[in-house]
Amino acid sequence: MESIRQKQTAEIIRRHFGTVLLNNGSYIYGNAFVTVTKVYVTPDISMAKIYLSVYNQEDKQAVIDKISENVYQLKKHLAARIRKHVRRIPEIAFFNDDTLDEMYRIKSLFKDLESDKTKDSEEE
């Protein structure tokens, strides 16, 4: 269970890192649209897991890898924005959030089931 401080720090990081990506991230990953969906912070606030959702790209993991390669620059920009809110800047790890991809996949499965059901009822 997350403490109040963890939740507050995670929200600060999520909000400000989204702005960092908007302002400074496009030179790293090109024309992809990247959003921060969720941030989890360890209890000692030494590590932050940032979940990113990537649009307009087929290879989403490649975009996450490019961002991970430039973590030092992005962390520096993040530190400049949140240094008055936190005592130490946590280490950052990036993960792909494929929740929307799963949603679209399940939606298409339901649509296929619906079309199969209507075909079966028309044949009878």
Protein backbone atom coordinates (compact mmCIF):
# COMPACT_ATOMS: atom_id res chain seq x y z
CA MET A 1 0.00 0.00 0.00
CA GLU A 2 1.35 3.36 -1.01
CA SER A 3 1.81 6.10 1.56
CA ILE A 4 0.47 9.60 1.04
CA ARG A 5 4.00 10.88 0.42
CA GLN A 6 4.60 8.23 -2.26
CA LYS A 7 1.38 9.18 -4.02
CA GLN A 8 2.19 12.88 -3.85
CA THR A 9 5.70 12.38 -5.19
CA ALA A 10 4.46 10.08 -7.94
CA GLU A 11 1.90 12.66 -9.05
CA ILE A 12 4.49 15.46 -9.05
CA ILE A 13 6.84 13.33 -11.16
CA ARG A 14 4.02 12.31 -13.53
CA ARG A 15 2.89 15.86 -14.10
CA HIS A 16 6.33 17.39 -14.53
CA PHE A 17 7.85 14.54 -16.53
CA GLY A 18 4.99 14.84 -19.02
CA THR A 19 5.96 18.47 -19.51
CA VAL A 20 9.64 17.51 -19.86
CA LEU A 21 8.73 15.02 -22.60
CA LEU A 22 6.59 17.62 -24.34
CA ASN A 23 9.32 20.27 -24.28
CA ASN A 24 12.52 18.23 -24.65
CA GLY A 25 11.58 14.71 -25.72
CA SER A 26 10.74 15.09 -29.39
CA TYR A 27 14.40 15.32 -30.39
CA ILE A 28 14.92 11.90 -28.77
CA TYR A 29 12.05 9.87 -30.18
CA GLY A 30 10.97 11.83 -33.26
CA ASN A 31 7.33 12.15 -34.25
CA ALA A 32 5.91 9.64 -31.77
CA PHE A 33 3.33 10.86 -29.29
CA VAL A 34 4.40 9.81 -25.79
CA THR A 35 2.36 10.31 -22.64
CA VAL A 36 3.03 9.45 -19.02
CA THR A 37 0.23 7.20 -17.80
CA LYS A 38 1.36 6.17 -14.32
CA VAL A 39 4.28 6.60 -11.95
CA TYR A 40 5.08 4.31 -9.04
CA VAL A 41 7.59 5.38 -6.39
CA THR A 42 9.35 3.08 -3.92
CA PRO A 43 8.69 3.69 -0.20
CA ASP A 44 12.06 5.40 0.28
CA ILE A 45 11.47 7.51 -2.88
CA SER A 46 14.77 6.37 -4.36
CA MET A 47 13.28 4.77 -7.48
CA ALA A 48 10.47 5.86 -9.80
CA LYS A 49 8.89 3.53 -12.34
CA ILE A 50 7.42 5.62 -15.14
CA TYR A 51 4.90 3.97 -17.45
CA LEU A 52 4.71 5.54 -20.91
CA SER A 53 2.08 5.13 -23.57
CA VAL A 54 3.40 5.49 -27.14
CA TYR A 55 1.28 6.41 -30.17
CA ASN A 56 2.06 6.82 -33.91
CA GLN A 57 4.76 4.13 -33.82
CA GLU A 58 4.70 0.44 -34.66
CA ASP A 59 7.76 -0.42 -32.55
CA LYS A 60 6.81 1.06 -29.19
CA GLN A 61 9.63 -0.63 -27.31
CA ALA A 62 12.20 1.08 -29.55
CA VAL A 63 10.85 4.47 -28.47
CA ILE A 64 11.04 3.41 -24.80
CA ASP A 65 14.63 2.25 -25.38
CA LYS A 66 15.57 5.61 -26.95
CA ILE A 67 14.11 7.41 -23.96
CA SER A 68 15.99 5.07 -21.59
CA GLU A 69 19.26 5.80 -23.42
CA ASN A 70 18.76 9.52 -22.76
CA VAL A 71 17.60 9.14 -19.16
CA TYR A 72 20.40 11.37 -17.84
CA GLN A 73 19.30 14.41 -19.88
CA LEU A 74 15.63 13.86 -19.11
CA LYS A 75 16.36 13.39 -15.41
CA LYS A 76 18.33 16.64 -15.41
CA HIS A 77 15.36 18.52 -16.90
CA LEU A 78 13.00 16.83 -14.43
CA ALA A 79 15.27 17.72 -11.51
CA ALA A 80 15.22 21.38 -12.53
CA ARG A 81 11.42 21.32 -12.39
CA ILE A 82 10.82 19.36 -9.15
CA ARG A 83 13.81 20.17 -6.96
CA LYS A 84 11.68 22.39 -4.71
CA HIS A 85 9.12 19.61 -4.22
CA VAL A 86 11.37 16.66 -3.32
CA ARG A 87 14.55 16.24 -1.31
CA ARG A 88 16.24 13.84 -3.71
CA ILE A 89 15.60 13.07 -7.31
CA PRO A 90 14.80 9.35 -7.65
CA GLU A 91 16.38 7.01 -10.14
CA ILE A 92 14.10 6.51 -13.13
CA ALA A 93 13.08 3.38 -15.02
CA PHE A 94 10.76 3.41 -18.03
CA PHE A 95 8.15 0.83 -18.93
CA ASN A 96 5.70 0.50 -21.81
CA ASP A 97 2.06 0.84 -20.77
CA ASP A 98 0.09 -1.27 -23.22
CA THR A 99 -3.28 -0.84 -21.53
CA LEU A 100 -4.79 0.98 -24.52
CA ASP A 101 -3.45 -1.62 -26.94
CA GLU A 102 -5.11 -4.34 -24.87
CA MET A 103 -8.34 -2.35 -24.78
CA TYR A 104 -8.41 -2.05 -28.58
CA ARG A 105 -7.58 -5.75 -28.95
CA ILE A 106 -10.40 -6.79 -26.63
CA LYS A 107 -12.78 -4.36 -28.33
CA SER A 108 -11.99 -5.92 -31.72
CA LEU A 109 -12.52 -9.40 -30.27
CA PHE A 110 -15.96 -8.37 -28.99
CA LYS A 111 -16.75 -6.81 -32.36
CA ASP A 112 -15.78 -10.08 -34.09
CA LEU A 113 -17.98 -12.05 -31.70
CA GLU A 114 -20.86 -9.69 -32.36
CA SER A 115 -20.48 -10.02 -36.14
CA ASP A 116 -20.28 -13.83 -35.83
CA LYS A 117 -23.44 -13.81 -33.73
CA THR A 118 -25.33 -11.73 -36.30
CA LYS A 119 -24.15 -13.99 -39.14
CA ASP A 120 -25.37 -17.06 -37.26
CA SER A 121 -28.77 -15.51 -36.60
CA GLU A 122 -29.16 -14.49 -40.28
CA GLU A 123 -28.42 -18.05 -41.44
CA GLU A 124 -31.22 -19.48 -39.30
